Protein backbone atom coordinates (compact mmCIF):
# COMPACT_ATOMS: atom_id res chain seq x y z
CA MET A 1 108.93 113.68 88.84
CA ASN A 2 105.85 111.85 90.12
CA LEU A 3 107.93 110.34 92.95
CA LEU A 4 108.83 113.89 93.99
CA ARG A 5 105.15 114.84 94.10
CA PHE A 6 104.41 111.74 96.15
CA LEU A 7 107.15 112.54 98.68
CA ILE A 8 106.35 116.23 99.13
CA VAL A 9 103.33 115.70 101.39
CA PRO A 10 104.96 113.18 103.81
CA LEU A 11 108.12 115.31 103.98
CA ALA A 12 106.07 118.45 104.59
CA VAL A 13 104.12 116.72 107.37
CA SER A 14 107.38 115.63 109.02
CA LEU A 15 108.58 119.24 109.00
CA PHE A 16 105.25 120.62 110.22
CA ALA A 17 105.30 118.17 113.16
CA ILE A 18 108.46 119.80 114.53
CA PHE A 19 107.15 121.87 117.42
CA PRO A 20 107.36 121.52 121.23
CA LEU A 21 105.42 118.94 123.22
CA THR A 22 102.12 120.81 123.40
CA ASP A 23 99.92 117.86 124.32
CA THR A 24 100.06 117.70 128.11
CA ASP A 25 98.96 114.05 128.30
CA ILE A 26 102.37 112.92 126.99
CA TRP A 27 103.86 113.58 130.42
CA TRP A 28 101.36 111.25 132.08
CA HIS A 29 102.25 108.59 129.49
CA LEU A 30 105.95 109.07 130.25
CA ALA A 31 105.27 108.79 133.96
CA CYS A 32 103.31 105.56 133.40
CA ALA A 33 106.19 104.15 131.37
CA ARG A 34 108.21 104.36 134.57
CA GLU A 35 105.49 103.33 137.01
CA TRP A 36 101.69 103.23 136.87
CA VAL A 37 100.45 106.62 138.10
CA THR A 38 97.53 107.00 140.49
CA THR A 39 95.82 110.15 141.76
CA TRP A 40 94.71 110.50 145.37
CA THR A 41 91.14 111.15 144.22
CA PRO A 42 89.02 108.03 143.54
CA VAL A 43 88.86 106.37 140.11
CA ARG A 44 86.28 104.18 138.44
CA THR A 45 86.96 100.50 137.96
CA PRO A 46 88.01 98.51 136.06
CA VAL A 47 91.24 100.32 135.27
CA VAL A 48 92.52 99.33 131.81
CA ASN A 49 95.83 100.70 130.60
CA VAL A 50 95.00 100.56 126.90
CA HIS A 51 98.07 102.73 126.13
CA GLU A 52 100.65 100.41 127.69
CA TYR A 53 102.71 99.73 124.53
CA PHE A 54 102.59 103.39 123.48
CA GLN A 55 103.92 104.39 126.89
CA GLN A 56 106.79 101.93 126.70
CA VAL A 57 107.79 103.17 123.23
CA VAL A 58 107.74 106.89 124.08
CA GLY A 59 109.39 106.21 127.44
CA PHE A 60 112.26 104.42 125.70
CA VAL A 61 112.69 107.28 123.18
CA TYR A 62 112.57 109.94 125.90
CA ALA A 63 115.16 108.06 127.98
CA LEU A 64 117.52 108.13 124.98
CA GLY A 65 117.25 111.79 124.03
CA GLY A 66 114.64 113.65 126.05
CA ALA A 67 111.99 115.91 124.56
CA PRO A 68 114.01 116.90 121.41
CA LEU A 69 114.36 113.26 120.34
CA LEU A 70 110.71 112.63 121.14
CA VAL A 71 109.74 115.54 118.86
CA ALA A 72 111.94 114.14 116.09
CA PHE A 73 110.35 110.73 116.64
CA LYS A 74 106.81 112.10 116.30
CA ALA A 75 107.82 113.96 113.13
CA LEU A 76 109.09 110.69 111.68
CA LEU A 77 105.93 108.88 112.74
CA TRP A 78 103.53 111.40 111.21
CA GLY A 79 105.54 111.50 107.99
CA GLY A 80 105.36 107.71 107.90
CA VAL A 81 101.60 107.79 108.43
CA PHE A 82 101.06 110.00 105.40
CA ALA A 83 103.54 107.99 103.34
CA LEU A 84 101.55 104.83 104.12
CA PHE A 85 98.22 106.36 103.18
CA LEU A 86 99.61 107.81 99.96
CA PHE A 87 101.65 104.73 99.04
CA PRO A 88 98.93 103.31 96.74
CA LEU A 89 99.25 106.55 94.71
CA ARG A 90 103.00 106.31 94.17
CA ARG A 91 102.57 105.49 90.46
CA ALA A 92 99.54 107.70 89.87
CA SER A 93 99.70 110.98 87.99
CA LEU A 94 99.49 113.50 90.83
CA ASP A 95 98.43 117.04 90.04
CA TRP A 96 100.69 119.80 91.40
CA ARG A 97 97.66 121.90 92.37
CA ALA A 98 96.27 119.10 94.50
CA VAL A 99 99.69 118.62 96.13
CA ALA A 100 99.97 122.33 96.90
CA PHE A 101 96.42 122.46 98.25
CA ALA A 102 97.12 119.51 100.57
CA VAL A 103 100.37 121.10 101.82
CA VAL A 104 98.64 124.42 102.60
CA VAL A 105 95.80 122.71 104.50
CA LEU A 106 98.18 120.51 106.47
CA PHE A 107 100.27 123.54 107.42
CA LEU A 108 97.18 125.34 108.76
CA LEU A 109 96.29 122.25 110.82
CA ARG A 110 99.87 121.30 111.73
CA PHE A 111 99.32 121.45 115.48
CA GLN A 112 97.23 118.30 115.19
CA PHE A 113 100.51 116.41 114.66
CA GLU A 114 101.22 115.84 118.34
CA ILE A 115 102.81 112.85 120.01
CA ARG A 116 99.63 111.09 121.08
CA PRO A 117 98.59 107.42 120.91
CA VAL A 118 96.47 108.35 117.88
CA VAL A 119 99.61 108.54 115.73
CA PHE A 120 100.14 104.81 116.23
CA SER A 121 96.48 104.16 115.47
CA MET A 122 96.91 105.96 112.16
CA LEU A 123 100.17 104.08 111.54
CA PHE A 124 98.41 100.74 112.00
CA LEU A 125 95.46 101.92 109.93
CA GLY A 126 97.84 102.94 107.14
CA ILE A 127 99.32 99.42 107.15
CA PHE A 128 95.81 97.98 106.99
CA TRP A 129 95.05 100.34 104.10
CA ASN A 130 97.91 98.91 102.06
CA LEU A 131 97.41 95.24 102.98
CA LEU A 132 93.63 94.97 102.70
CA PRO A 133 93.63 94.83 98.85
CA ARG A 134 95.90 91.77 99.04
CA LEU A 135 93.52 90.17 101.51
CA PHE A 136 90.93 89.98 98.75
CA GLU A 137 93.13 87.77 96.55
CA PHE A 138 91.75 84.67 98.26
CA PRO A 139 92.31 81.71 97.74
CA LYS A 140 95.92 82.65 97.02
CA ARG A 141 98.44 81.92 99.78
CA ASN A 142 99.28 85.61 100.02
CA ALA A 143 95.76 86.32 101.29
CA VAL A 144 96.20 83.90 104.19
CA LEU A 145 99.60 85.38 105.09
CA VAL A 146 98.13 88.90 104.99
CA ALA A 147 95.28 87.78 107.25
CA VAL A 148 97.76 86.41 109.80
CA LEU A 149 99.84 89.60 109.67
CA LEU A 150 96.76 91.82 110.15
CA LEU A 151 95.66 89.74 113.13
CA CYS A 152 99.10 90.20 114.72
CA LEU A 153 98.98 93.94 114.07
CA GLN A 154 95.50 94.13 115.56
CA TRP A 155 96.70 92.33 118.70
CA LEU A 156 99.45 94.93 119.14
CA TRP A 157 97.11 97.80 118.32
CA CYS A 158 94.83 96.82 121.23
CA ARG A 159 97.53 97.99 123.66
CA PHE A 160 98.45 101.21 121.87
CA GLN A 161 95.09 103.02 121.89
CA GLY A 162 91.37 102.50 122.28
CA LEU A 163 90.89 103.35 118.62
CA TYR A 164 92.06 99.84 117.77
CA VAL A 165 88.38 99.39 116.91
CA LEU A 166 89.14 101.17 113.62
CA GLY A 167 90.85 98.02 112.39
CA PRO A 168 87.70 95.84 112.47
CA LEU A 169 85.50 98.74 111.34
CA VAL A 170 87.53 99.60 108.23
CA THR A 171 88.05 95.93 107.42
CA GLY A 172 84.33 95.30 107.82
CA VAL A 173 83.52 98.16 105.44
CA CYS A 174 85.94 96.79 102.86
CA ILE A 175 84.51 93.27 103.16
CA LEU A 176 80.98 94.62 102.84
CA PHE A 177 81.70 96.57 99.67
CA TRP A 178 83.74 93.69 98.25
CA PHE A 179 80.68 91.46 98.64
CA PHE A 180 78.55 94.08 96.90
CA ALA A 181 81.07 94.31 94.06
CA GLN A 182 81.36 90.53 93.63
CA GLY A 183 77.68 89.77 93.91
CA ARG A 184 76.97 86.13 93.16
CA ASN A 185 80.57 85.63 92.05
CA ALA A 186 81.69 85.61 95.68
CA GLY A 187 82.35 81.95 96.44
CA HIS A 188 81.16 80.16 99.56
CA ARG A 189 84.72 79.51 100.76
CA ALA A 190 85.62 83.17 100.34
CA LYS A 191 82.59 84.25 102.36
CA LEU A 192 83.55 81.89 105.18
CA PHE A 193 87.18 83.03 105.05
CA TYR A 194 86.35 86.74 105.31
CA ALA A 195 83.63 86.27 107.92
CA GLY A 196 85.95 84.15 110.07
CA PHE A 197 88.83 86.58 109.65
CA TRP A 198 86.67 89.53 110.67
CA LEU A 199 85.39 87.74 113.77
CA LEU A 200 88.95 86.86 114.78
CA LEU A 201 89.96 90.50 114.24
CA CYS A 202 87.20 91.63 116.60
CA ALA A 203 88.26 89.03 119.18
CA MET A 204 91.90 90.15 119.44
CA PRO A 205 91.31 92.24 122.63
CA LEU A 206 90.14 89.07 124.39
CA LEU A 207 93.64 87.59 124.00
CA HIS A 208 95.08 90.24 126.34
CA GLU A 209 95.18 90.14 130.10
CA ASP A 210 92.29 92.58 130.56
CA GLY A 211 90.23 90.65 128.01
CA LEU A 212 86.59 91.69 128.29
CA ALA A 213 87.35 95.08 129.86
CA LEU A 214 89.64 95.88 126.94
CA PHE A 215 87.01 94.65 124.46
CA VAL A 216 84.33 97.06 125.73
CA TYR A 217 86.73 99.98 126.25
CA PRO A 218 86.03 101.66 122.85
CA PHE A 219 82.30 101.82 123.62
CA GLY A 220 82.91 103.85 126.78
CA LEU A 221 85.35 106.03 124.87
CA LEU A 222 82.77 106.73 122.17
CA ASP A 223 80.17 107.52 124.82
CA ARG A 224 82.48 110.04 126.49
CA LEU A 225 83.37 111.57 123.13
CA LEU A 226 79.84 111.99 121.75
CA GLY A 227 78.05 112.52 125.06
CA LEU A 228 75.52 109.77 124.25
CA SER A 229 74.57 109.16 127.88
CA GLU A 230 73.58 111.86 130.34
CA SER A 231 76.70 111.42 132.47
CA ALA A 232 79.01 111.33 129.45
CA ALA A 233 77.64 114.68 128.25
CA VAL A 234 79.64 116.34 131.02
CA PHE A 235 82.89 115.08 129.49
CA ALA A 236 81.86 115.82 125.90
CA SER A 237 81.20 119.48 126.74
CA GLY A 238 83.73 120.03 129.53
CA ILE A 239 86.91 118.74 127.89
CA ALA A 240 88.39 121.28 125.49
CA GLU A 241 89.56 118.77 122.87
CA ASN A 242 86.12 117.12 122.80
CA ARG A 243 84.36 120.26 121.62
CA SER A 244 83.12 120.25 118.03
CA LEU A 245 84.82 122.27 115.31
CA LEU A 246 81.65 124.28 114.80
CA ALA A 247 81.62 125.17 118.51
CA LEU A 248 85.23 126.35 118.24
CA VAL A 249 84.33 128.51 115.24
CA ALA A 250 81.41 130.03 117.17
CA LEU A 251 83.72 130.75 120.12
CA ARG A 252 86.43 132.10 117.75
CA GLU A 253 89.03 129.78 119.25
CA ASN A 254 91.80 128.87 116.82
CA LEU A 255 89.45 130.37 114.26
CA VAL A 256 91.34 129.87 110.98
CA ALA A 257 92.28 126.22 111.57
CA SER A 258 88.84 125.35 112.97
CA ALA A 259 87.05 127.03 110.06
CA VAL A 260 89.23 125.34 107.44
CA ALA A 261 88.76 121.92 109.02
CA SER A 262 84.99 122.47 109.38
CA VAL A 263 84.48 123.49 105.76
CA LEU A 264 86.61 120.63 104.43
CA ALA A 265 84.92 118.03 106.63
CA MET A 266 81.39 119.14 105.72
CA ALA A 267 82.16 119.42 102.01
CA LEU A 268 83.77 116.00 101.84
CA ILE A 269 80.96 114.38 103.85
CA ILE A 270 78.43 115.69 101.36
CA LEU A 271 80.54 114.59 98.38
CA CYS A 272 81.19 111.10 99.77
CA VAL A 273 77.58 110.50 100.77
CA ARG A 274 76.36 111.55 97.32
CA ARG A 275 78.78 109.16 95.61
CA LEU A 276 77.91 106.29 97.93
CA VAL A 277 74.17 106.82 97.46
CA ALA A 278 74.63 106.97 93.69
CA ALA A 279 76.61 103.71 93.76
CA VAL A 280 73.89 101.99 95.81
CA ARG A 281 71.12 103.16 93.49
CA ARG A 282 72.98 102.02 90.38
CA ARG A 283 74.21 98.84 92.10
CA ALA A 284 77.48 99.65 90.38
CA TRP A 285 80.70 99.00 92.28
CA PRO A 286 83.49 99.69 89.79
CA ASP A 287 86.15 99.79 92.50
CA TRP A 288 85.34 98.38 95.93
CA HIS A 289 88.53 99.93 97.38
CA ALA A 290 87.62 103.43 96.18
CA THR A 291 84.07 103.00 97.48
CA SER A 292 85.41 101.91 100.85
CA ALA A 293 87.68 104.97 100.85
CA HIS A 294 84.66 107.22 100.47
CA ALA A 295 82.96 105.53 103.42
CA VAL A 296 86.08 105.84 105.60
CA LEU A 297 86.58 109.48 104.61
CA ALA A 298 82.97 110.34 105.44
CA ALA A 299 83.28 108.60 108.83
CA THR A 300 86.55 110.33 109.79
CA ALA A 301 85.25 113.69 108.57
CA PHE A 302 82.18 113.25 110.76
CA LEU A 303 84.34 112.37 113.79
CA ALA A 304 86.45 115.48 113.10
CA LEU A 305 83.33 117.64 113.14
CA VAL A 306 82.21 116.08 116.42
CA ALA A 307 85.47 116.71 118.29
CA GLU A 308 88.62 118.68 117.53
CA ARG A 309 90.88 115.86 118.73
CA ASN A 310 89.63 113.68 115.85
CA VAL A 311 90.96 115.99 113.14
CA ALA A 312 94.17 113.93 113.27
CA LEU A 313 92.13 110.91 112.10
CA PHE A 314 90.73 112.83 109.18
CA LEU A 315 93.87 114.43 107.73
CA PRO A 316 95.69 111.35 106.27
CA VAL A 317 92.49 110.09 104.62
CA PHE A 318 91.81 113.62 103.36
CA ALA A 319 95.27 113.83 101.75
CA CYS A 320 94.75 110.43 100.10
CA PHE A 321 91.38 111.56 98.76
CA VAL A 322 92.57 114.93 97.45
CA LEU A 323 95.64 113.53 95.68
CA GLY A 324 94.06 110.33 94.37
CA PRO A 325 93.02 110.67 90.70
CA ALA A 326 90.29 108.09 91.13
CA TRP A 327 88.82 109.65 94.28
CA GLY A 328 89.76 113.30 94.24
CA CYS A 329 88.87 116.40 92.30
CA ALA A 330 89.70 116.81 88.62
CA PRO A 331 92.01 119.71 87.74
CA VAL A 332 90.03 122.89 87.11
CA CYS A 333 92.32 124.71 84.71
CA ARG A 334 94.96 123.44 82.32
CA ALA A 335 95.13 126.30 79.85
CA CYS A 336 96.39 129.10 82.10
CA ARG A 337 100.18 129.28 82.11
CA PHE A 338 100.14 131.40 85.23
CA CYS A 339 98.53 128.56 87.18
CA ARG A 340 101.56 126.39 86.51
CA TYR A 341 103.61 128.50 88.92
CA VAL A 342 100.98 128.90 91.65
CA PRO A 343 101.48 125.45 93.29
CA ALA A 344 105.26 125.86 93.58
CA ALA A 345 104.83 129.40 94.91
CA ALA A 346 102.29 128.21 97.48
CA ILE A 347 104.55 125.38 98.68
CA PHE A 348 107.59 127.66 99.04
CA LEU A 349 105.47 130.30 100.81
CA VAL A 350 104.24 127.72 103.32
CA LEU A 351 107.79 126.46 103.93
CA GLY A 352 108.85 130.05 104.55
CA PHE A 353 106.12 130.50 107.16
CA TRP A 354 107.15 127.19 108.73
CA CYS A 355 110.78 128.32 109.02
CA ARG A 356 109.63 131.52 110.65
CA SER A 357 107.44 129.59 113.11
CA LEU A 358 110.52 127.78 114.44
CA MET A 359 112.09 130.98 115.80
CA PRO A 360 110.15 131.24 119.12
CA TYR A 361 110.58 127.58 120.07
CA ASP A 362 112.61 126.67 123.13
CA ALA A 363 115.51 124.30 122.41
CA THR A 364 114.22 122.04 125.20
CA MET A 365 111.10 121.39 123.08
CA VAL A 366 108.89 121.64 126.19
CA ALA A 367 105.88 123.96 126.00
CA ARG A 368 106.45 125.91 129.22
CA SER A 369 103.16 127.79 128.92
CA ARG A 370 101.24 124.50 129.13
CA VAL A 371 103.09 122.59 131.84
CA PRO A 372 104.51 124.00 135.12
CA VAL A 373 108.22 123.53 134.47
CA ALA A 374 109.55 126.14 136.89
CA ALA A 375 106.66 125.78 139.34
CA ALA A 376 107.28 122.03 139.61
CA GLN A 377 110.95 122.67 140.43
CA TRP A 378 109.93 125.08 143.18
CA MET A 379 107.37 122.62 144.57
CA LYS A 380 109.92 119.83 144.63
CA ALA A 381 112.31 122.04 146.60
CA HIS A 382 109.53 123.11 148.99
CA PRO A 383 107.55 120.01 150.04
CA HIS A 384 104.24 120.27 151.87
CA ALA A 385 102.47 118.08 154.40
CA GLY A 386 98.96 117.78 152.94
CA ARG A 387 97.46 117.02 149.59
CA LEU A 388 97.83 118.87 146.29
CA PHE A 389 95.11 120.33 144.08
CA ASN A 390 96.14 120.88 140.48
CA ASP A 391 94.62 121.78 137.15
CA ASP A 392 94.03 118.63 135.08
CA ARG A 393 96.53 119.64 132.37
CA ALA A 394 99.35 119.91 134.89
CA GLY A 395 98.69 116.57 136.58
CA GLY A 396 100.64 114.36 134.18
CA TYR A 397 103.71 116.60 134.20
CA LEU A 398 103.71 116.84 138.01
CA ALA A 399 103.48 113.06 138.28
CA PHE A 400 106.42 112.72 135.90
CA VAL A 401 108.83 115.25 137.41
CA ASN A 402 107.72 115.05 141.05
CA PRO A 403 106.34 111.54 141.69
CA GLY A 404 106.76 111.94 145.45
CA ASP A 405 103.92 114.48 145.61
CA SER A 406 100.21 113.74 145.26
CA THR A 407 98.14 114.76 142.24
CA TYR A 408 94.45 115.61 142.28
CA LEU A 409 93.66 114.99 138.62
CA ASP A 410 95.37 114.14 135.34
CA GLY A 411 94.27 113.52 131.78
CA ARG A 412 92.67 110.12 132.41
CA PHE A 413 89.13 111.50 132.47
CA ILE A 414 87.68 108.13 131.50
CA LEU A 415 88.67 106.89 134.97
CA LYS A 416 86.62 109.59 136.72
CA THR A 417 82.89 109.70 137.34
CA ALA A 418 80.76 112.38 135.72
CA GLU A 419 79.81 113.69 139.17
CA PHE A 420 83.45 114.16 140.16
CA PHE A 421 84.35 115.87 136.89
CA SER A 422 81.28 118.11 136.98
CA ARG A 423 82.15 119.29 140.51
CA TYR A 424 85.77 119.85 139.45
CA LEU A 425 84.65 122.07 136.56
CA GLY A 426 82.26 123.89 138.87
CA TYR A 427 85.08 125.05 141.14
CA ALA A 428 86.18 127.57 138.51
CA GLY A 429 82.97 129.54 138.92
CA ASN A 430 82.39 128.87 142.62
CA PRO A 431 85.45 129.74 144.77
CA ASP A 432 83.49 129.18 148.00
CA ALA A 433 82.78 125.56 147.06
CA PHE A 434 86.44 125.13 146.16
CA MET A 435 87.71 126.39 149.54
CA HIS A 436 85.12 124.35 151.44
CA ASP A 437 86.02 121.11 149.66
CA MET A 438 89.76 121.71 149.94
CA ASP A 439 89.40 122.15 153.71
CA SER A 440 87.48 118.90 154.07
CA LEU A 441 89.87 116.97 151.79
CA GLY A 442 93.05 118.08 153.55
CA VAL A 443 94.43 120.05 150.58
CA ASP A 444 97.12 122.52 151.59
CA ARG A 445 98.61 123.38 148.19
CA ALA A 446 96.98 124.41 144.90
CA LEU A 447 98.50 125.05 141.47
CA PHE A 448 96.69 126.98 138.74
CA PRO A 449 97.59 128.04 135.17
CA LEU A 450 97.50 131.74 134.34
CA ARG A 451 97.54 131.61 130.54
CA TYR A 452 96.72 128.40 128.70
CA TYR A 453 93.07 127.47 129.37
CA ALA A 454 93.22 129.70 132.43
CA ARG A 455 89.67 129.26 133.73
CA TRP A 456 90.71 129.72 137.35
CA ASP A 457 90.82 133.54 137.56
CA ALA A 458 87.94 133.75 140.04
CA VAL A 459 89.49 131.10 142.31
CA VAL A 460 92.94 132.72 142.17
CA ASP A 461 91.43 136.09 143.05
CA ALA A 462 89.41 134.62 145.93
CA LEU A 463 92.42 132.79 147.39
CA SER A 464 94.51 135.97 147.19
CA ARG A 465 91.90 137.86 149.24
CA SER A 466 90.86 135.09 151.63
CA GLY A 467 93.64 135.42 154.21
CA ARG A 468 93.60 131.63 154.63
CA TRP A 469 95.80 131.01 151.62
CA THR A 470 99.18 132.54 150.75
CA LEU A 471 100.61 133.06 147.30
CA GLU A 472 103.96 131.26 147.54
CA TYR A 473 105.07 131.11 143.91
CA VAL A 474 104.19 132.90 140.69
CA ASP A 475 105.68 133.12 137.20
CA ASN A 476 104.29 134.12 133.82
CA ASP A 477 102.33 130.89 133.44
CA PHE A 478 101.48 129.35 136.84
CA VAL A 479 100.78 130.23 140.48
CA VAL A 480 101.08 128.11 143.63
CA PHE A 481 99.08 128.78 146.83
CA ASP A 482 99.64 127.20 150.25
CA ARG A 483 96.97 127.03 152.92
CA ASN A 484 98.02 128.78 156.10
CA SER A 485 96.39 126.45 158.64
CA LEU A 486 98.37 123.38 157.49
CA ARG A 487 101.75 125.05 156.91
C-alpha cells in the first residue's frame, strides 16, 4: 500500500505534463540541434552554448516522433524527477492527506512541467539527492565511487543548463551541515576528502571547451534573473517568465496558480528558516540530511518567489518536504472517519479535471496560439528580399521551420545587450520609433502575435494606417506586414 502512495505523485506528474509544447524556446533548441542559429541583430560575446547536450537529446527525440513523442518524453522525464526526489521516502509511512494535497497543488501548477533544460537540471539534482548520503560514508570504498560518479554527472550537467551550479551549491550545503553534525568527530582525512571533492565539483566547467566562459555563465544568468545590475534590471522586468509571483498576483495573471505558489513558497520559507535558526541556536543537528533539505527548500522557494520560471525548481523539493514524515507536516486529524475518504475523492476529482483538460488539445501537440505555424508556412511560400522583424517568442520557431529567412530576435536574451532589449521593448509603445528603425535597418517584413502576450496592438494599428506597410497575412493568432517600398 505504501508503494502505491509513493508512486501516485510521480505518475500524476507524468499525466499532468501531457500538454502541447507551450514553451516557445524549445523550437530554438531544436533548430540549434540541427545547426547553430544566429540572428541578424548583433549579439554579445562570448557565445556559450550551455544547452548543447539538451539540444542534441531533444533533437534526437523529435526526429524520431515529432512533437507528440517529445511531449511523451517530457512527461517521462518529469515523472522521473519526482520519483528520484521521493525515492528516499519509498519505505516511509506516507499519509494519504499529504499525498492528495501534493497532487492537487501539482495539478494547479502543471503548466510548469514544460520541456525545458531545467527538467534535466532537476533530474541531475535528484540523482545527487539520492547519492549524497552515500558520499558521507567515507572512508568506505562506496564513498569514493559515488564521488567519481557525481563528478561525471556534474561534467555532463555543465552542458545541459546553466543551473549546473546547483550541484556544487547543494553539495556544499550538505557538507557544511555534515561538519556541523559531526563536530570534532569529523576526521582530518574526511575533511580533506570532502573539501577536495567539492573543489573538483566546482572545477568541472573548466574541463569543457569553453572553460572559463562556461564557469562564469551562472553568475551572468543570476544577474539577469534578479536584476542585480542596472542593465540586468531591464531583463528581470521585461521578460515575462522573470517576473515575480507576487507581481503576477498583483497583475491578476494566471491568478490561481500564482497565488497558490506564492502562499506555499512564503509559508515554507518561514517554516524552514525557523527550523534552521532553532537548530543553530541549540547546536543540535539530529539529521544533517533533513537539515540540508530545509536549506534547499528555502532556497528554491525563494527563487520561485523571485521569478515564475523557477517554480519548476521548487515543486520536486516541495513534494519531498510535504510527504516526508521527518520534514513535513504531521497529520491534523485521525479521528474523523469522513476525512478518510477526502484524499481519494480529491485525487479522483483532479484526475477528472485532467481528463477534461485534454479535450481541446491539438493532436500535433504544437501550441498554435504561441508559435506562428500557419504564418510561417505562408512566409516560406512568399519569400521577401529584406530583413525580418519578429516578436521574440516566434524567433525560435521561425528559425526551426524556415531557416532560410532571417530572424530579428529569439529567446537567447542573455546574448543581447540591455540597450538593445530595452529599445526592442520600447517599440511596443512607440510605433514611430519602430517604423524609423525598420527603415534604417532594411526590414521589409514584420510578424506580430495577436493573442499570446500580444503587446504589439499599437504597432499593428499604426502599420495598418501608415500606407507604407501592407497587411499580407492574418489568422487568429498572428499577422504579417510587408513594407511597400522594398516589395
